[in-house]
Amino acid sequence: GDQVAPRGGVVELYAAFQHAEKGGTLTPQQLLDVRSTLVALHETKRFLEGNAEQAPQLAAQASILSDRRALERDIDQSIDSAGEVRDEASAELAAARRESNQLAGDLQRRLARYLQDPEVSPSLSDDFYTVRNDRYVLPVRADAKGAVRGIVHDASRSGTTLFIEPEAVVELNNKLKQAELAVARESFRVLRDLTAQVAEEAPELLADIELLAHIDLAF
């Protein structure tokens, strides 16, 4: 039957369990792999228990498989299919992301105004702003760098363009950086919490996977 667990990922799963039990933090992708194994366990259990008449021995074995819906649900609610930590995973994360999006929007509008400013635009080597060292900057012609006061973060290879963070946006850039750090910190905390749950359930999960492999062979 196609109801049975994906065989490919068992080696990676063992590695993930070991990593979790040693106190490491699992990646979103590893957590999604754990989740798909849990789904396979549930589906196999349900499938075999539903076909107890045809295969009573397999059904008896399947009834030993544990039900870890809670862990599956927690991973589901915290990580989307693309491997991003969801806003729903934590109120702090949602707030930090909102703030970071808002600040990035403010910064982009501010810099867009520089691009339109007749006193600044002739000194720029391009008509767009960019990001260097995680800071929003303007591409200023090196021979006109006096036109934009601020912090030089980088230069083009040829040295004809300097990437300058205007003084007026330093504070905003700082706030954005802090919000982004909060997003990263909070995402990591969510991953750590889920990893701790996986580590706690790893011994039973491994036993289930072994049993699943047996059932798989019996098929």
Protein backbone atom coordinates (compact mmCIF):
# COMPACT_ATOMS: atom_id res chain seq x y z
CA GLY A 1 0.00 0.00 0.00
CA ASP A 2 1.06 3.62 -0.48
CA GLN A 3 0.00 4.24 3.12
CA VAL A 4 3.43 3.38 4.42
CA ALA A 5 6.17 5.70 5.67
CA PRO A 6 8.68 7.19 3.23
CA ARG A 7 11.77 4.96 3.45
CA GLY A 8 14.24 7.53 2.16
CA GLY A 9 14.41 9.72 5.21
CA VAL A 10 15.14 7.24 7.98
CA VAL A 11 18.90 7.90 8.09
CA GLU A 12 18.35 11.68 8.23
CA LEU A 13 15.73 11.15 10.93
CA TYR A 14 18.14 9.20 13.12
CA ALA A 15 20.63 12.03 12.72
CA ALA A 16 17.96 14.59 13.61
CA PHE A 17 16.92 12.65 16.73
CA GLN A 18 20.53 12.35 17.85
CA HIS A 19 21.10 16.05 17.26
CA ALA A 20 17.97 16.88 19.28
CA GLU A 21 18.90 14.56 22.14
CA LYS A 22 22.39 16.10 22.32
CA GLY A 23 20.82 19.52 22.81
CA GLY A 24 21.23 20.81 19.26
CA THR A 25 18.44 22.74 17.54
CA LEU A 26 16.66 21.19 14.57
CA THR A 27 16.17 23.15 11.36
CA PRO A 28 12.63 23.83 10.11
CA GLN A 29 13.23 21.24 7.37
CA GLN A 30 14.24 18.57 9.90
CA LEU A 31 11.13 19.34 11.92
CA LEU A 32 9.00 18.99 8.77
CA ASP A 33 10.65 15.59 8.17
CA VAL A 34 9.75 14.53 11.70
CA ARG A 35 6.21 15.71 11.03
CA SER A 36 5.87 13.67 7.82
CA THR A 37 7.06 10.59 9.72
CA LEU A 38 4.41 11.21 12.37
CA VAL A 39 1.80 11.49 9.61
CA ALA A 40 3.00 8.18 8.12
CA LEU A 41 2.77 6.53 11.55
CA HIS A 42 -0.80 7.75 12.09
CA GLU A 43 -1.90 6.79 8.61
CA THR A 44 -0.39 3.31 8.89
CA LYS A 45 -1.99 2.82 12.30
CA ARG A 46 -5.39 3.94 11.03
CA PHE A 47 -5.10 1.93 7.82
CA LEU A 48 -4.13 -1.33 9.54
CA GLU A 49 -6.62 -0.99 12.38
CA GLY A 50 -9.28 -0.38 9.73
CA ASN A 51 -8.28 -3.61 7.95
CA ALA A 52 -8.06 -5.79 11.06
CA GLU A 53 -10.23 -8.51 9.54
CA GLN A 54 -7.92 -9.12 6.58
CA ALA A 55 -4.70 -8.78 8.60
CA PRO A 56 -5.31 -9.30 12.31
CA GLN A 57 -1.62 -9.73 13.20
CA LEU A 58 -0.58 -6.53 11.47
CA ALA A 59 -3.47 -4.69 13.12
CA ALA A 60 -2.32 -5.99 16.49
CA GLN A 61 1.18 -4.67 15.80
CA ALA A 62 -0.20 -1.37 14.57
CA SER A 63 -2.13 -0.88 17.77
CA ILE A 64 1.24 -0.66 19.56
CA LEU A 65 2.19 2.38 17.46
CA SER A 66 1.87 5.46 19.63
CA ASP A 67 -0.28 8.43 18.79
CA ARG A 68 1.78 11.63 18.66
CA ARG A 69 -0.82 13.99 17.22
CA ALA A 70 0.13 16.73 19.67
CA LEU A 71 3.69 16.97 18.39
CA GLU A 72 2.49 16.79 14.79
CA ARG A 73 0.00 19.58 15.48
CA ASP A 74 2.61 21.75 17.22
CA ILE A 75 5.02 21.44 14.29
CA ASP A 76 2.16 22.17 11.89
CA GLN A 77 1.08 25.29 13.74
CA SER A 78 4.63 26.61 14.03
CA ILE A 79 6.23 25.91 10.64
CA ASP A 80 4.76 26.36 7.18
CA SER A 81 5.37 24.04 4.24
CA ALA A 82 8.14 26.34 2.94
CA GLY A 83 10.05 25.88 6.21
CA GLU A 84 9.34 29.36 7.58
CA VAL A 85 8.42 29.82 11.23
CA ARG A 86 4.80 31.02 11.21
CA ASP A 87 3.62 34.21 12.92
CA GLU A 88 1.11 32.02 14.76
CA ALA A 89 3.99 30.28 16.52
CA SER A 90 4.55 33.22 18.86
CA ALA A 91 2.95 36.58 19.60
CA GLU A 92 6.42 38.14 20.06
CA LEU A 93 7.49 36.87 16.65
CA ALA A 94 4.38 38.28 14.97
CA ALA A 95 4.95 41.65 16.67
CA ALA A 96 8.66 41.77 15.75
CA ARG A 97 7.87 40.89 12.12
CA ARG A 98 5.17 43.57 11.96
CA GLU A 99 7.59 46.14 13.36
CA SER A 100 10.36 45.08 11.03
CA ASN A 101 8.07 45.32 7.96
CA GLN A 102 6.83 48.72 9.06
CA LEU A 103 10.35 50.07 9.62
CA ALA A 104 11.59 48.66 6.30
CA GLY A 105 8.65 50.40 4.60
CA ASP A 106 9.48 53.70 6.34
CA LEU A 107 13.12 53.40 5.33
CA GLN A 108 12.29 52.62 1.73
CA ARG A 109 10.01 55.66 1.52
CA ARG A 110 12.68 57.90 3.05
CA LEU A 111 15.33 56.70 0.62
CA ALA A 112 12.94 56.98 -2.32
CA ARG A 113 12.60 60.66 -1.41
CA TYR A 114 16.39 61.08 -1.66
CA LEU A 115 16.26 59.58 -5.16
CA GLN A 116 13.75 62.29 -6.16
CA ASP A 117 15.58 65.11 -4.40
CA PRO A 118 17.09 67.48 -7.00
CA GLU A 119 19.90 68.34 -4.58
CA VAL A 120 20.89 64.68 -4.12
CA SER A 121 19.92 62.77 -7.27
CA PRO A 122 22.65 64.27 -9.53
CA SER A 123 25.25 62.88 -7.09
CA LEU A 124 23.92 59.31 -7.26
CA SER A 125 25.37 56.74 -9.64
CA ASP A 126 22.05 54.84 -9.83
CA ASP A 127 18.40 55.66 -9.36
CA PHE A 128 17.74 53.02 -6.70
CA TYR A 129 18.72 52.42 -3.08
CA THR A 130 20.19 49.11 -1.92
CA VAL A 131 21.31 47.22 1.20
CA ARG A 132 24.88 46.78 2.46
CA ASN A 133 25.82 45.21 5.83
CA ASP A 134 22.07 44.89 6.52
CA ARG A 135 21.68 48.68 6.27
CA TYR A 136 19.77 50.63 3.64
CA VAL A 137 22.19 52.80 1.65
CA LEU A 138 22.37 55.11 -1.38
CA PRO A 139 24.83 54.59 -4.27
CA VAL A 140 26.71 57.90 -4.29
CA ARG A 141 29.29 58.88 -6.91
CA ALA A 142 32.69 58.91 -5.20
CA ASP A 143 33.50 62.29 -6.73
CA ALA A 144 30.33 63.76 -5.15
CA LYS A 145 30.37 62.13 -1.76
CA GLY A 146 29.98 65.46 0.02
CA ALA A 147 26.39 65.59 -1.27
CA VAL A 148 25.23 62.87 1.14
CA ARG A 149 26.45 63.05 4.72
CA GLY A 150 26.51 59.69 6.39
CA ILE A 151 28.32 56.40 6.95
CA VAL A 152 30.18 54.74 4.08
CA HIS A 153 29.44 50.98 4.18
CA ASP A 154 30.98 49.76 0.96
CA ALA A 155 32.37 50.79 -2.42
CA SER A 156 31.85 49.42 -5.90
CA ARG A 157 34.69 47.31 -7.32
CA SER A 158 35.82 50.17 -9.50
CA GLY A 159 35.66 52.53 -6.51
CA THR A 160 33.54 55.02 -8.46
CA THR A 161 30.48 54.42 -6.24
CA LEU A 162 30.28 54.63 -2.46
CA PHE A 163 27.36 53.04 -0.62
CA ILE A 164 26.41 55.62 1.98
CA GLU A 165 23.86 55.36 4.78
CA PRO A 166 22.49 58.91 5.12
CA GLU A 167 22.77 60.36 8.64
CA ALA A 168 19.03 60.96 8.73
CA VAL A 169 18.20 57.23 8.50
CA VAL A 170 20.83 55.82 10.90
CA GLU A 171 18.36 55.73 13.79
CA LEU A 172 15.68 54.02 11.66
CA ASN A 173 18.23 51.52 10.36
CA ASN A 174 19.21 50.78 13.99
CA LYS A 175 15.59 50.14 14.94
CA LEU A 176 15.13 47.89 11.91
CA LYS A 177 18.23 45.92 12.87
CA GLN A 178 16.87 45.46 16.40
CA ALA A 179 13.51 44.28 15.09
CA GLU A 180 15.24 41.83 12.73
CA LEU A 181 17.33 40.49 15.62
CA ALA A 182 14.14 40.03 17.64
CA VAL A 183 12.62 38.07 14.72
CA ALA A 184 15.69 35.82 14.52
CA ARG A 185 15.82 35.32 18.30
CA GLU A 186 12.14 34.48 18.55
CA SER A 187 12.24 32.13 15.53
CA PHE A 188 15.16 30.32 17.14
CA ARG A 189 13.27 30.03 20.43
CA VAL A 190 10.31 28.40 18.63
CA LEU A 191 12.68 25.91 16.94
CA ARG A 192 14.34 25.16 20.29
CA ASP A 193 11.01 24.46 21.98
CA LEU A 194 9.90 22.11 19.20
CA THR A 195 13.30 20.39 19.25
CA ALA A 196 12.94 19.82 23.01
CA GLN A 197 9.60 18.09 22.37
CA VAL A 198 11.17 15.92 19.66
CA ALA A 199 14.07 15.01 21.97
CA GLU A 200 11.63 14.01 24.70
CA GLU A 201 9.67 11.74 22.36
CA ALA A 202 12.65 10.47 20.33
CA PRO A 203 13.07 7.07 22.10
CA GLU A 204 9.40 6.12 21.56
CA LEU A 205 9.44 7.53 18.05
CA LEU A 206 12.46 5.43 17.13
CA ALA A 207 10.72 2.32 18.47
CA ASP A 208 7.67 3.22 16.34
CA ILE A 209 9.81 3.68 13.23
CA GLU A 210 11.43 0.27 13.78
CA LEU A 211 7.98 -1.29 14.15
CA LEU A 212 6.81 0.55 11.07
CA ALA A 213 9.73 -0.92 9.11
CA HIS A 214 8.64 -4.42 10.21
CA ILE A 215 5.05 -3.77 9.20
CA ASP A 216 6.33 -2.36 5.94
CA LEU A 217 8.20 -5.61 5.23
CA ALA A 218 5.12 -7.65 6.11
CA PHE A 219 3.25 -5.78 3.38
